[in-house]
Amino acid sequence: MKKAKSLSWWIVVLGAWEIVAPFIFGYSAEKTALWDAIILGVALVILGIWAALVKDESTLKTLSWVNAALGVWLIIAPFLLSYSGTTSALWNDIVVGLVILALGATAASALPKEITA
């Protein structure tokens, strides 16, 4: 559980990065990319903090998979929301999305499997 919680803190950091990235990389004028980054960043920060602080392993596993799914969204969003022409937004989202996908999946996999009777 400790490994999953520490990985969740890294998701918080990447969520915060996602919020500021449009301003650092200069694509804040691309409103679709900007708002996708802000909304996803806030969601990642909130879910990451929740996952890092939760005591229940089942909830932690669920939150970790949700974070992994948000990583997938970051990877495909530039294409679905038509801002793949904005190179800095495209590559930021792909790289951050891949890392979040890996962190979320690793955190979820680090937890014991549920035993059903």
PDB file of N, CA and C in Angstrom:
ATOM      1  N   MET A   1       0.825  -1.192   0.000  1.00  0.00           N
ATOM      2  CA  MET A   1       0.000   0.000   0.000  1.00  0.00           C
ATOM      3  C   MET A   1       0.874   1.264   0.000  1.00  0.00           C
ATOM      4  N   LYS A   2       2.019   1.160   0.655  1.00  0.00           N
ATOM      5  CA  LYS A   2       2.919   2.312   0.729  1.00  0.00           C
ATOM      6  C   LYS A   2       3.415   2.730  -0.654  1.00  0.00           C
ATOM      7  N   LYS A   3       3.754   1.742  -1.500  1.00  0.00           N
ATOM      8  CA  LYS A   3       4.227   2.039  -2.856  1.00  0.00           C
ATOM      9  C   LYS A   3       3.130   2.737  -3.658  1.00  0.00           C
ATOM     10  N   ALA A   4       1.903   2.233  -3.576  1.00  0.00           N
ATOM     11  CA  ALA A   4       0.785   2.827  -4.315  1.00  0.00           C
ATOM     12  C   ALA A   4       0.538   4.265  -3.864  1.00  0.00           C
ATOM     13  N   LYS A   5       0.648   4.508  -2.572  1.00  0.00           N
ATOM     14  CA  LYS A   5       0.434   5.861  -2.059  1.00  0.00           C
ATOM     15  C   LYS A   5       1.538   6.819  -2.521  1.00  0.00           C
ATOM     16  N   SER A   6       2.784   6.349  -2.525  1.00  0.00           N
ATOM     17  CA  SER A   6       3.874   7.226  -2.980  1.00  0.00           C
ATOM     18  C   SER A   6       3.752   7.516  -4.474  1.00  0.00           C
ATOM     19  N   LEU A   7       3.316   6.538  -5.256  1.00  0.00           N
ATOM     20  CA  LEU A   7       3.096   6.779  -6.682  1.00  0.00           C
ATOM     21  C   LEU A   7       1.963   7.778  -6.897  1.00  0.00           C
ATOM     22  N   SER A   8       0.982   7.769  -6.014  1.00  0.00           N
ATOM     23  CA  SER A   8      -0.131   8.719  -6.104  1.00  0.00           C
ATOM     24  C   SER A   8       0.351  10.152  -5.910  1.00  0.00           C
ATOM     25  N   TRP A   9       1.348  10.352  -5.055  1.00  0.00           N
ATOM     26  CA  TRP A   9       1.901  11.700  -4.876  1.00  0.00           C
ATOM     27  C   TRP A   9       2.572  12.184  -6.157  1.00  0.00           C
ATOM     28  N   TRP A  10       3.193  11.270  -6.908  1.00  0.00           N
ATOM     29  CA  TRP A  10       3.785  11.663  -8.185  1.00  0.00           C
ATOM     30  C   TRP A  10       2.701  12.072  -9.179  1.00  0.00           C
ATOM     31  N   ILE A  11       1.547  11.425  -9.100  1.00  0.00           N
ATOM     32  CA  ILE A  11       0.419  11.814  -9.952  1.00  0.00           C
ATOM     33  C   ILE A  11      -0.044  13.225  -9.590  1.00  0.00           C
ATOM     34  N   VAL A  12      -0.032  13.561  -8.316  1.00  0.00           N
ATOM     35  CA  VAL A  12      -0.372  14.924  -7.886  1.00  0.00           C
ATOM     36  C   VAL A  12       0.585  15.932  -8.527  1.00  0.00           C
ATOM     37  N   VAL A  13       1.870  15.628  -8.484  1.00  0.00           N
ATOM     38  CA  VAL A  13       2.880  16.519  -9.067  1.00  0.00           C
ATOM     39  C   VAL A  13       2.646  16.686 -10.567  1.00  0.00           C
ATOM     40  N   LEU A  14       2.373  15.590 -11.255  1.00  0.00           N
ATOM     41  CA  LEU A  14       2.129  15.668 -12.699  1.00  0.00           C
ATOM     42  C   LEU A  14       0.820  16.386 -13.011  1.00  0.00           C
ATOM     43  N   GLY A  15      -0.179  16.238 -12.143  1.00  0.00           N
ATOM     44  CA  GLY A  15      -1.418  16.992 -12.315  1.00  0.00           C
ATOM     45  C   GLY A  15      -1.175  18.483 -12.192  1.00  0.00           C
ATOM     46  N   ALA A  16      -0.360  18.865 -11.218  1.00  0.00           N
ATOM     47  CA  ALA A  16      -0.007  20.284 -11.060  1.00  0.00           C
ATOM     48  C   ALA A  16       0.778  20.771 -12.283  1.00  0.00           C
ATOM     49  N   TRP A  17       1.681  19.927 -12.782  1.00  0.00           N
ATOM     50  CA  TRP A  17       2.420  20.278 -13.991  1.00  0.00           C
ATOM     51  C   TRP A  17       1.456  20.503 -15.148  1.00  0.00           C
ATOM     52  N   GLU A  18       0.479  19.634 -15.295  1.00  0.00           N
ATOM     53  CA  GLU A  18      -0.479  19.744 -16.392  1.00  0.00           C
ATOM     54  C   GLU A  18      -1.222  21.082 -16.339  1.00  0.00           C
ATOM     55  N   ILE A  19      -1.474  21.596 -15.154  1.00  0.00           N
ATOM     56  CA  ILE A  19      -2.163  22.879 -14.998  1.00  0.00           C
ATOM     57  C   ILE A  19      -1.293  24.037 -15.493  1.00  0.00           C
ATOM     58  N   VAL A  20      -0.016  24.003 -15.199  1.00  0.00           N
ATOM     59  CA  VAL A  20       0.862  25.125 -15.556  1.00  0.00           C
ATOM     60  C   VAL A  20       1.522  24.977 -16.921  1.00  0.00           C
ATOM     61  N   ALA A  21       1.540  23.791 -17.485  1.00  0.00           N
ATOM     62  CA  ALA A  21       2.229  23.532 -18.750  1.00  0.00           C
ATOM     63  C   ALA A  21       1.794  24.448 -19.896  1.00  0.00           C
ATOM     64  N   PRO A  22       0.487  24.745 -20.061  1.00  0.00           N
ATOM     65  CA  PRO A  22       0.111  25.630 -21.177  1.00  0.00           C
ATOM     66  C   PRO A  22       0.776  27.008 -21.107  1.00  0.00           C
ATOM     67  N   PHE A  23       1.015  27.470 -19.904  1.00  0.00           N
ATOM     68  CA  PHE A  23       1.627  28.791 -19.729  1.00  0.00           C
ATOM     69  C   PHE A  23       3.145  28.716 -19.905  1.00  0.00           C
ATOM     70  N   ILE A  24       3.745  27.628 -19.483  1.00  0.00           N
ATOM     71  CA  ILE A  24       5.190  27.452 -19.619  1.00  0.00           C
ATOM     72  C   ILE A  24       5.567  27.196 -21.075  1.00  0.00           C
ATOM     73  N   PHE A  25       4.794  26.337 -21.752  1.00  0.00           N
ATOM     74  CA  PHE A  25       5.096  25.988 -23.143  1.00  0.00           C
ATOM     75  C   PHE A  25       4.450  26.931 -24.156  1.00  0.00           C
ATOM     76  N   GLY A  26       3.644  27.877 -23.683  1.00  0.00           N
ATOM     77  CA  GLY A  26       3.106  28.899 -24.564  1.00  0.00           C
ATOM     78  C   GLY A  26       1.928  28.491 -25.430  1.00  0.00           C
ATOM     79  N   TYR A  27       1.155  27.506 -25.009  1.00  0.00           N
ATOM     80  CA  TYR A  27      -0.027  27.165 -25.789  1.00  0.00           C
ATOM     81  C   TYR A  27      -1.329  27.528 -25.072  1.00  0.00           C
ATOM     82  N   SER A  28      -1.259  28.510 -24.186  1.00  0.00           N
ATOM     83  CA  SER A  28      -2.458  28.939 -23.459  1.00  0.00           C
ATOM     84  C   SER A  28      -3.469  29.639 -24.362  1.00  0.00           C
ATOM     85  N   ALA A  29      -3.048  30.103 -25.532  1.00  0.00           N
ATOM     86  CA  ALA A  29      -3.987  30.727 -26.475  1.00  0.00           C
ATOM     87  C   ALA A  29      -4.863  29.685 -27.163  1.00  0.00           C
ATOM     88  N   GLU A  30      -4.425  28.428 -27.179  1.00  0.00           N
ATOM     89  CA  GLU A  30      -5.214  27.329 -27.736  1.00  0.00           C
ATOM     90  C   GLU A  30      -6.188  26.890 -26.642  1.00  0.00           C
ATOM     91  N   LYS A  31      -7.386  27.469 -26.679  1.00  0.00           N
ATOM     92  CA  LYS A  31      -8.346  27.322 -25.574  1.00  0.00           C
ATOM     93  C   LYS A  31      -8.721  25.878 -25.281  1.00  0.00           C
ATOM     94  N   THR A  32      -8.874  25.053 -26.313  1.00  0.00           N
ATOM     95  CA  THR A  32      -9.237  23.650 -26.082  1.00  0.00           C
ATOM     96  C   THR A  32      -8.131  22.941 -25.317  1.00  0.00           C
ATOM     97  N   ALA A  33      -6.899  23.118 -25.750  1.00  0.00           N
ATOM     98  CA  ALA A  33      -5.760  22.495 -25.072  1.00  0.00           C
ATOM     99  C   ALA A  33      -5.603  23.047 -23.655  1.00  0.00           C
ATOM    100  N   LEU A  34      -5.801  24.354 -23.510  1.00  0.00           N
ATOM    101  CA  LEU A  34      -5.687  24.993 -22.201  1.00  0.00           C
ATOM    102  C   LEU A  34      -6.689  24.408 -21.218  1.00  0.00           C
ATOM    103  N   TRP A  35      -7.973  24.389 -21.609  1.00  0.00           N
ATOM    104  CA  TRP A  35      -8.996  23.921 -20.676  1.00  0.00           C
ATOM    105  C   TRP A  35      -8.919  22.425 -20.422  1.00  0.00           C
ATOM    106  N   ASP A  36      -8.510  21.666 -21.421  1.00  0.00           N
ATOM    107  CA  ASP A  36      -8.310  20.233 -21.193  1.00  0.00           C
ATOM    108  C   ASP A  36      -7.204  20.033 -20.162  1.00  0.00           C
ATOM    109  N   ALA A  37      -6.108  20.781 -20.301  1.00  0.00           N
ATOM    110  CA  ALA A  37      -4.992  20.659 -19.357  1.00  0.00           C
ATOM    111  C   ALA A  37      -5.406  21.074 -17.954  1.00  0.00           C
ATOM    112  N   ILE A  38      -6.143  22.162 -17.839  1.00  0.00           N
ATOM    113  CA  ILE A  38      -6.558  22.637 -16.515  1.00  0.00           C
ATOM    114  C   ILE A  38      -7.528  21.657 -15.858  1.00  0.00           C
ATOM    115  N   ILE A  39      -8.545  21.233 -16.600  1.00  0.00           N
ATOM    116  CA  ILE A  39      -9.540  20.318 -16.028  1.00  0.00           C
ATOM    117  C   ILE A  39      -8.905  18.988 -15.649  1.00  0.00           C
ATOM    118  N   LEU A  40      -8.084  18.429 -16.554  1.00  0.00           N
ATOM    119  CA  LEU A  40      -7.423  17.162 -16.251  1.00  0.00           C
ATOM    120  C   LEU A  40      -6.424  17.326 -15.113  1.00  0.00           C
ATOM    121  N   GLY A  41      -5.700  18.433 -15.109  1.00  0.00           N
ATOM    122  CA  GLY A  41      -4.734  18.679 -14.037  1.00  0.00           C
ATOM    123  C   GLY A  41      -5.396  18.757 -12.678  1.00  0.00           C
ATOM    124  N   VAL A  42      -6.499  19.485 -12.590  1.00  0.00           N
ATOM    125  CA  VAL A  42      -7.225  19.590 -11.316  1.00  0.00           C
ATOM    126  C   VAL A  42      -7.750  18.221 -10.892  1.00  0.00           C
ATOM    127  N   ALA A  43      -8.307  17.474 -11.841  1.00  0.00           N
ATOM    128  CA  ALA A  43      -8.821  16.132 -11.519  1.00  0.00           C
ATOM    129  C   ALA A  43      -7.690  15.231 -11.021  1.00  0.00           C
ATOM    130  N   LEU A  44      -6.534  15.286 -11.675  1.00  0.00           N
ATOM    131  CA  LEU A  44      -5.400  14.458 -11.254  1.00  0.00           C
ATOM    132  C   LEU A  44      -4.896  14.853  -9.873  1.00  0.00           C
ATOM    133  N   VAL A  45      -4.850  16.144  -9.596  1.00  0.00           N
ATOM    134  CA  VAL A  45      -4.413  16.603  -8.271  1.00  0.00           C
ATOM    135  C   VAL A  45      -5.387  16.100  -7.203  1.00  0.00           C
ATOM    136  N   ILE A  46      -6.675  16.289  -7.426  1.00  0.00           N
ATOM    137  CA  ILE A  46      -7.675  15.875  -6.436  1.00  0.00           C
ATOM    138  C   ILE A  46      -7.661  14.363  -6.239  1.00  0.00           C
ATOM    139  N   LEU A  47      -7.718  13.610  -7.346  1.00  0.00           N
ATOM    140  CA  LEU A  47      -7.740  12.150  -7.229  1.00  0.00           C
ATOM    141  C   LEU A  47      -6.427  11.601  -6.682  1.00  0.00           C
ATOM    142  N   GLY A  48      -5.311  12.238  -7.048  1.00  0.00           N
ATOM    143  CA  GLY A  48      -4.020  11.802  -6.530  1.00  0.00           C
ATOM    144  C   GLY A  48      -3.898  12.008  -5.031  1.00  0.00           C
ATOM    145  N   ILE A  49      -4.347  13.167  -4.554  1.00  0.00           N
ATOM    146  CA  ILE A  49      -4.322  13.424  -3.103  1.00  0.00           C
ATOM    147  C   ILE A  49      -5.247  12.447  -2.386  1.00  0.00           C
ATOM    148  N   TRP A  50      -6.430  12.252  -2.938  1.00  0.00           N
ATOM    149  CA  TRP A  50      -7.379  11.314  -2.345  1.00  0.00           C
ATOM    150  C   TRP A  50      -6.754   9.916  -2.261  1.00  0.00           C
ATOM    151  N   ALA A  51      -6.141   9.460  -3.352  1.00  0.00           N
ATOM    152  CA  ALA A  51      -5.522   8.132  -3.363  1.00  0.00           C
ATOM    153  C   ALA A  51      -4.364   8.048  -2.369  1.00  0.00           C
ATOM    154  N   ALA A  52      -3.595   9.119  -2.254  1.00  0.00           N
ATOM    155  CA  ALA A  52      -2.442   9.104  -1.350  1.00  0.00           C
ATOM    156  C   ALA A  52      -2.855   9.099   0.116  1.00  0.00           C
ATOM    157  N   LEU A  53      -4.034   9.623   0.413  1.00  0.00           N
ATOM    158  CA  LEU A  53      -4.456   9.740   1.811  1.00  0.00           C
ATOM    159  C   LEU A  53      -5.487   8.697   2.251  1.00  0.00           C
ATOM    160  N   VAL A  54      -6.088   7.990   1.302  1.00  0.00           N
ATOM    161  CA  VAL A  54      -7.151   7.044   1.645  1.00  0.00           C
ATOM    162  C   VAL A  54      -6.582   5.856   2.434  1.00  0.00           C
ATOM    163  N   LYS A  55      -7.379   5.308   3.322  1.00  0.00           N
ATOM    164  CA  LYS A  55      -6.929   4.179   4.150  1.00  0.00           C
ATOM    165  C   LYS A  55      -7.389   2.828   3.580  1.00  0.00           C
ATOM    166  N   ASP A  56      -8.435   2.846   2.774  1.00  0.00           N
ATOM    167  CA  ASP A  56      -9.025   1.626   2.237  1.00  0.00           C
ATOM    168  C   ASP A  56      -8.302   1.200   0.953  1.00  0.00           C
ATOM    169  N   GLU A  57      -7.790  -0.024   0.917  1.00  0.00           N
ATOM    170  CA  GLU A  57      -7.043  -0.508  -0.244  1.00  0.00           C
ATOM    171  C   GLU A  57      -7.911  -0.606  -1.494  1.00  0.00           C
ATOM    172  N   SER A  58      -9.156  -0.992  -1.321  1.00  0.00           N
ATOM    173  CA  SER A  58     -10.056  -1.118  -2.468  1.00  0.00           C
ATOM    174  C   SER A  58     -10.284   0.239  -3.131  1.00  0.00           C
ATOM    175  N   THR A  59     -10.483   1.276  -2.318  1.00  0.00           N
ATOM    176  CA  THR A  59     -10.659   2.632  -2.850  1.00  0.00           C
ATOM    177  C   THR A  59      -9.379   3.108  -3.514  1.00  0.00           C
ATOM    178  N   LEU A  60      -8.244   2.813  -2.904  1.00  0.00           N
ATOM    179  CA  LEU A  60      -6.954   3.198  -3.479  1.00  0.00           C
ATOM    180  C   LEU A  60      -6.759   2.540  -4.840  1.00  0.00           C
ATOM    181  N   LYS A  61      -7.112   1.265  -4.949  1.00  0.00           N
ATOM    182  CA  LYS A  61      -6.977   0.563  -6.222  1.00  0.00           C
ATOM    183  C   LYS A  61      -7.877   1.192  -7.280  1.00  0.00           C
ATOM    184  N   THR A  62      -9.117   1.494  -6.910  1.00  0.00           N
ATOM    185  CA  THR A  62     -10.052   2.111  -7.851  1.00  0.00           C
ATOM    186  C   THR A  62      -9.542   3.469  -8.297  1.00  0.00           C
ATOM    187  N   LEU A  63      -9.097   4.289  -7.365  1.00  0.00           N
ATOM    188  CA  LEU A  63      -8.579   5.615  -7.710  1.00  0.00           C
ATOM    189  C   LEU A  63      -7.346   5.517  -8.597  1.00  0.00           C
ATOM    190  N   SER A  64      -6.503   4.531  -8.354  1.00  0.00           N
ATOM    191  CA  SER A  64      -5.306   4.344  -9.175  1.00  0.00           C
ATOM    192  C   SER A  64      -5.686   3.995 -10.610  1.00  0.00           C
ATOM    193  N   TRP A  65      -6.701   3.141 -10.784  1.00  0.00           N
ATOM    194  CA  TRP A  65      -7.151   2.807 -12.144  1.00  0.00           C
ATOM    195  C   TRP A  65      -7.814   4.010 -12.806  1.00  0.00           C
ATOM    196  N   VAL A  66      -8.532   4.813 -12.041  1.00  0.00           N
ATOM    197  CA  VAL A  66      -9.132   6.030 -12.610  1.00  0.00           C
ATOM    198  C   VAL A  66      -8.022   6.969 -13.081  1.00  0.00           C
ATOM    199  N   ASN A  67      -6.980   7.122 -12.285  1.00  0.00           N
ATOM    200  CA  ASN A  67      -5.844   7.958 -12.696  1.00  0.00           C
ATOM    201  C   ASN A  67      -5.198   7.400 -13.963  1.00  0.00           C
ATOM    202  N   ALA A  68      -5.053   6.081 -14.047  1.00  0.00           N
ATOM    203  CA  ALA A  68      -4.494   5.468 -15.254  1.00  0.00           C
ATOM    204  C   ALA A  68      -5.378   5.782 -16.464  1.00  0.00           C
ATOM    205  N   ALA A  69      -6.692   5.732 -16.274  1.00  0.00           N
ATOM    206  CA  ALA A  69      -7.624   6.056 -17.370  1.00  0.00           C
ATOM    207  C   ALA A  69      -7.484   7.524 -17.785  1.00  0.00           C
ATOM    208  N   LEU A  70      -7.263   8.405 -16.826  1.00  0.00           N
ATOM    209  CA  LEU A  70      -7.036   9.817 -17.165  1.00  0.00           C
ATOM    210  C   LEU A  70      -5.736   9.977 -17.957  1.00  0.00           C
ATOM    211  N   GLY A  71      -4.755   9.131 -17.666  1.00  0.00           N
ATOM    212  CA  GLY A  71      -3.527   9.128 -18.460  1.00  0.00           C
ATOM    213  C   GLY A  71      -3.816   8.754 -19.911  1.00  0.00           C
ATOM    214  N   VAL A  72      -4.685   7.759 -20.103  1.00  0.00           N
ATOM    215  CA  VAL A  72      -5.088   7.380 -21.461  1.00  0.00           C
ATOM    216  C   VAL A  72      -5.788   8.554 -22.137  1.00  0.00           C
ATOM    217  N   TRP A  73      -6.669   9.232 -21.400  1.00  0.00           N
ATOM    218  CA  TRP A  73      -7.356  10.393 -21.980  1.00  0.00           C
ATOM    219  C   TRP A  73      -6.340  11.440 -22.444  1.00  0.00           C
ATOM    220  N   LEU A  74      -5.328  11.711 -21.617  1.00  0.00           N
ATOM    221  CA  LEU A  74      -4.321  12.702 -22.006  1.00  0.00           C
ATOM    222  C   LEU A  74      -3.626  12.309 -23.310  1.00  0.00           C
ATOM    223  N   ILE A  75      -3.408  11.031 -23.507  1.00  0.00           N
ATOM    224  CA  ILE A  75      -2.732  10.564 -24.716  1.00  0.00           C
ATOM    225  C   ILE A  75      -3.601  10.780 -25.958  1.00  0.00           C
ATOM    226  N   ILE A  76      -4.899  10.528 -25.831  1.00  0.00           N
ATOM    227  CA  ILE A  76      -5.767  10.609 -27.012  1.00  0.00           C
ATOM    228  C   ILE A  76      -6.461  11.965 -27.184  1.00  0.00           C
ATOM    229  N   ALA A  77      -6.491  12.780 -26.143  1.00  0.00           N
ATOM    230  CA  ALA A  77      -7.211  14.059 -26.187  1.00  0.00           C
ATOM    231  C   ALA A  77      -6.760  14.987 -27.318  1.00  0.00           C
ATOM    232  N   PRO A  78      -5.466  15.129 -27.588  1.00  0.00           N
ATOM    233  CA  PRO A  78      -5.080  16.048 -28.671  1.00  0.00           C
ATOM    234  C   PRO A  78      -5.713  15.674 -30.020  1.00  0.00           C
ATOM    235  N   PHE A  79      -5.931  14.388 -30.230  1.00  0.00           N
ATOM    236  CA  PHE A  79      -6.505  13.930 -31.488  1.00  0.00           C
ATOM    237  C   PHE A  79      -8.032  14.048 -31.480  1.00  0.00           C
ATOM    238  N   LEU A  80      -8.640  13.699 -30.353  1.00  0.00           N
ATOM    239  CA  LEU A  80     -10.097  13.765 -30.269  1.00  0.00           C
ATOM    240  C   LEU A  80     -10.613  15.195 -30.170  1.00  0.00           C
ATOM    241  N   LEU A  81      -9.839  16.063 -29.536  1.00  0.00           N
ATOM    242  CA  LEU A  81     -10.262  17.451 -29.366  1.00  0.00           C
ATOM    243  C   LEU A  81      -9.632  18.388 -30.402  1.00  0.00           C
ATOM    244  N   SER A  82      -8.933  17.815 -31.346  1.00  0.00           N
ATOM    245  CA  SER A  82      -8.375  18.545 -32.506  1.00  0.00           C
ATOM    246  C   SER A  82      -7.374  19.641 -32.150  1.00  0.00           C
ATOM    247  N   TYR A  83      -6.483  19.358 -31.224  1.00  0.00           N
ATOM    248  CA  TYR A  83      -5.385  20.297 -31.010  1.00  0.00           C
ATOM    249  C   TYR A  83      -4.027  19.616 -31.195  1.00  0.00           C
ATOM    250  N   SER A  84      -4.016  18.536 -31.989  1.00  0.00           N
ATOM    251  CA  SER A  84      -2.761  17.829 -32.234  1.00  0.00           C
ATOM    252  C   SER A  84      -1.789  18.651 -33.083  1.00  0.00           C
ATOM    253  N   GLY A  85      -2.283  19.712 -33.739  1.00  0.00           N
ATOM    254  CA  GLY A  85      -1.415  20.603 -34.496  1.00  0.00           C
ATOM    255  C   GLY A  85      -0.573  21.510 -33.619  1.00  0.00           C
ATOM    256  N   THR A  86      -0.968  21.636 -32.354  1.00  0.00           N
ATOM    257  CA  THR A  86      -0.198  22.417 -31.387  1.00  0.00           C
ATOM    258  C   THR A  86       0.848  21.471 -30.793  1.00  0.00           C
ATOM    259  N   THR A  87       2.035  21.484 -31.377  1.00  0.00           N
ATOM    260  CA  THR A  87       3.064  20.491 -31.080  1.00  0.00           C
ATOM    261  C   THR A  87       3.410  20.398 -29.598  1.00  0.00           C
ATOM    262  N   SER A  88       3.570  21.528 -28.935  1.00  0.00           N
ATOM    263  CA  SER A  88       3.951  21.485 -27.518  1.00  0.00           C
ATOM    264  C   SER A  88       2.847  20.869 -26.671  1.00  0.00           C
ATOM    265  N   ALA A  89       1.595  21.171 -26.964  1.00  0.00           N
ATOM    266  CA  ALA A  89       0.479  20.571 -26.224  1.00  0.00           C
ATOM    267  C   ALA A  89       0.398  19.076 -26.511  1.00  0.00           C
ATOM    268  N   LEU A  90       0.567  18.714 -27.775  1.00  0.00           N
ATOM    269  CA  LEU A  90       0.515  17.310 -28.181  1.00  0.00           C
ATOM    270  C   LEU A  90       1.537  16.480 -27.419  1.00  0.00           C
ATOM    271  N   TRP A  91       2.803  16.903 -27.473  1.00  0.00           N
ATOM    272  CA  TRP A  91       3.855  16.105 -26.850  1.00  0.00           C
ATOM    273  C   TRP A  91       3.813  16.153 -25.328  1.00  0.00           C
ATOM    274  N   ASN A  92       3.426  17.282 -24.772  1.00  0.00           N
ATOM    275  CA  ASN A  92       3.281  17.340 -23.319  1.00  0.00           C
ATOM    276  C   ASN A  92       2.215  16.339 -22.872  1.00  0.00           C
ATOM    277  N   ASP A  93       1.067  16.352 -23.542  1.00  0.00           N
ATOM    278  CA  ASP A  93      -0.013  15.453 -23.140  1.00  0.00           C
ATOM    279  C   ASP A  93       0.343  13.987 -23.352  1.00  0.00           C
ATOM    280  N   ILE A  94       1.031  13.680 -24.434  1.00  0.00           N
ATOM    281  CA  ILE A  94       1.416  12.289 -24.672  1.00  0.00           C
ATOM    282  C   ILE A  94       2.405  11.808 -23.609  1.00  0.00           C
ATOM    283  N   VAL A  95       3.428  12.600 -23.353  1.00  0.00           N
ATOM    284  CA  VAL A  95       4.441  12.183 -22.368  1.00  0.00           C
ATOM    285  C   VAL A  95       3.846  12.098 -20.965  1.00  0.00           C
ATOM    286  N   VAL A  96       3.144  13.145 -20.539  1.00  0.00           N
ATOM    287  CA  VAL A  96       2.534  13.145 -19.207  1.00  0.00           C
ATOM    288  C   VAL A  96       1.495  12.034 -19.112  1.00  0.00           C
ATOM    289  N   GLY A  97       0.716  11.832 -20.162  1.00  0.00           N
ATOM    290  CA  GLY A  97      -0.284  10.780 -20.169  1.00  0.00           C
ATOM    291  C   GLY A  97       0.327   9.398 -20.017  1.00  0.00           C
ATOM    292  N   LEU A  98       1.417   9.141 -20.726  1.00  0.00           N
ATOM    293  CA  LEU A  98       2.093   7.842 -20.611  1.00  0.00           C
ATOM    294  C   LEU A  98       2.626   7.612 -19.198  1.00  0.00           C
ATOM    295  N   VAL A  99       3.214   8.652 -18.618  1.00  0.00           N
ATOM    296  CA  VAL A  99       3.761   8.518 -17.261  1.00  0.00           C
ATOM    297  C   VAL A  99       2.623   8.285 -16.253  1.00  0.00           C
ATOM    298  N   ILE A 100       1.535   9.034 -16.394  1.00  0.00           N
ATOM    299  CA  ILE A 100       0.412   8.855 -15.471  1.00  0.00           C
ATOM    300  C   ILE A 100      -0.218   7.479 -15.648  1.00  0.00           C
ATOM    301  N   LEU A 101      -0.357   7.037 -16.875  1.00  0.00           N
ATOM    302  CA  LEU A 101      -0.872   5.691 -17.130  1.00  0.00           C
ATOM    303  C   LEU A 101       0.001   4.650 -16.437  1.00  0.00           C
ATOM    304  N   ALA A 102       1.312   4.779 -16.589  1.00  0.00           N
ATOM    305  CA  ALA A 102       2.234   3.835 -15.956  1.00  0.00           C
ATOM    306  C   ALA A 102       2.168   3.911 -14.435  1.00  0.00           C
ATOM    307  N   LEU A 103       2.136   5.122 -13.885  1.00  0.00           N
ATOM    308  CA  LEU A 103       2.073   5.272 -12.424  1.00  0.00           C
ATOM    309  C   LEU A 103       0.771   4.715 -11.859  1.00  0.00           C
ATOM    310  N   GLY A 104      -0.352   5.055 -12.501  1.00  0.00           N
ATOM    311  CA  GLY A 104      -1.643   4.574 -12.018  1.00  0.00           C
ATOM    312  C   GLY A 104      -1.763   3.061 -12.092  1.00  0.00           C
ATOM    313  N   ALA A 105      -1.338   2.485 -13.214  1.00  0.00           N
ATOM    314  CA  ALA A 105      -1.409   1.029 -13.369  1.00  0.00           C
ATOM    315  C   ALA A 105      -0.464   0.322 -12.397  1.00  0.00           C
ATOM    316  N   THR A 106       0.721   0.881 -12.201  1.00  0.00           N
ATOM    317  CA  THR A 106       1.671   0.294 -11.257  1.00  0.00           C
ATOM    318  C   THR A 106       1.136   0.375  -9.829  1.00  0.00           C
ATOM    319  N   ALA A 107       0.554   1.513  -9.476  1.00  0.00           N
ATOM    320  CA  ALA A 107      -0.017   1.667  -8.135  1.00  0.00           C
ATOM    321  C   ALA A 107      -1.151   0.665  -7.917  1.00  0.00           C
ATOM    322  N   ALA A 108      -2.026   0.525  -8.891  1.00  0.00           N
ATOM    323  CA  ALA A 108      -3.146  -0.413  -8.760  1.00  0.00           C
ATOM    324  C   ALA A 108      -2.646  -1.851  -8.686  1.00  0.00           C
ATOM    325  N   SER A 109      -1.627  -2.165  -9.469  1.00  0.00           N
ATOM    326  CA  SER A 109      -1.084  -3.530  -9.493  1.00  0.00           C
ATOM    327  C   SER A 109      -0.272  -3.856  -8.245  1.00  0.00           C
ATOM    328  N   ALA A 110       0.202  -2.834  -7.553  1.00  0.00           N
ATOM    329  CA  ALA A 110       1.004  -3.053  -6.347  1.00  0.00           C
ATOM    330  C   ALA A 110       0.148  -3.493  -5.164  1.00  0.00           C
ATOM    331  N   LEU A 111      -1.153  -3.308  -5.282  1.00  0.00           N
ATOM    332  CA  LEU A 111      -2.054  -3.669  -4.195  1.00  0.00           C
ATOM    333  C   LEU A 111      -2.462  -5.132  -4.328  1.00  0.00           C
ATOM    334  N   PRO A 112      -2.724  -5.790  -3.185  1.00  0.00           N
ATOM    335  CA  PRO A 112      -3.113  -7.199  -3.268  1.00  0.00           C
ATOM    336  C   PRO A 112      -4.444  -7.385  -3.989  1.00  0.00           C
ATOM    337  N   LYS A 113      -4.570  -8.538  -4.633  1.00  0.00           N
ATOM    338  CA  LYS A 113      -5.821  -8.863  -5.306  1.00  0.00           C
ATOM    339  C   LYS A 113      -6.894  -9.137  -4.272  1.00  0.00           C
ATOM    340  N   GLU A 114      -8.121  -8.745  -4.610  1.00  0.00           N
ATOM    341  CA  GLU A 114      -9.235  -8.999  -3.699  1.00  0.00           C
ATOM    342  C   GLU A 114      -9.603 -10.466  -3.761  1.00  0.00           C
ATOM    343  N   ILE A 115      -9.863 -11.043  -2.628  1.00  0.00           N
ATOM    344  CA  ILE A 115     -10.249 -12.446  -2.549  1.00  0.00           C
ATOM    345  C   ILE A 115     -11.767 -12.507  -2.429  1.00  0.00           C
ATOM    346  N   THR A 116     -12.376 -13.221  -3.360  1.00  0.00           N
ATOM    347  CA  THR A 116     -13.826 -13.379  -3.303  1.00  0.00           C
ATOM    348  C   THR A 116     -14.162 -14.756  -2.773  1.00  0.00           C
ATOM    349  N   ALA A 117     -15.191 -14.806  -1.965  1.00  0.00           N
ATOM    350  CA  ALA A 117     -15.557 -16.101  -1.362  1.00  0.00           C
ATOM    351  C   ALA A 117     -16.547 -16.843  -2.220  1.00  0.00           C
TER     352      ALA A 117
END
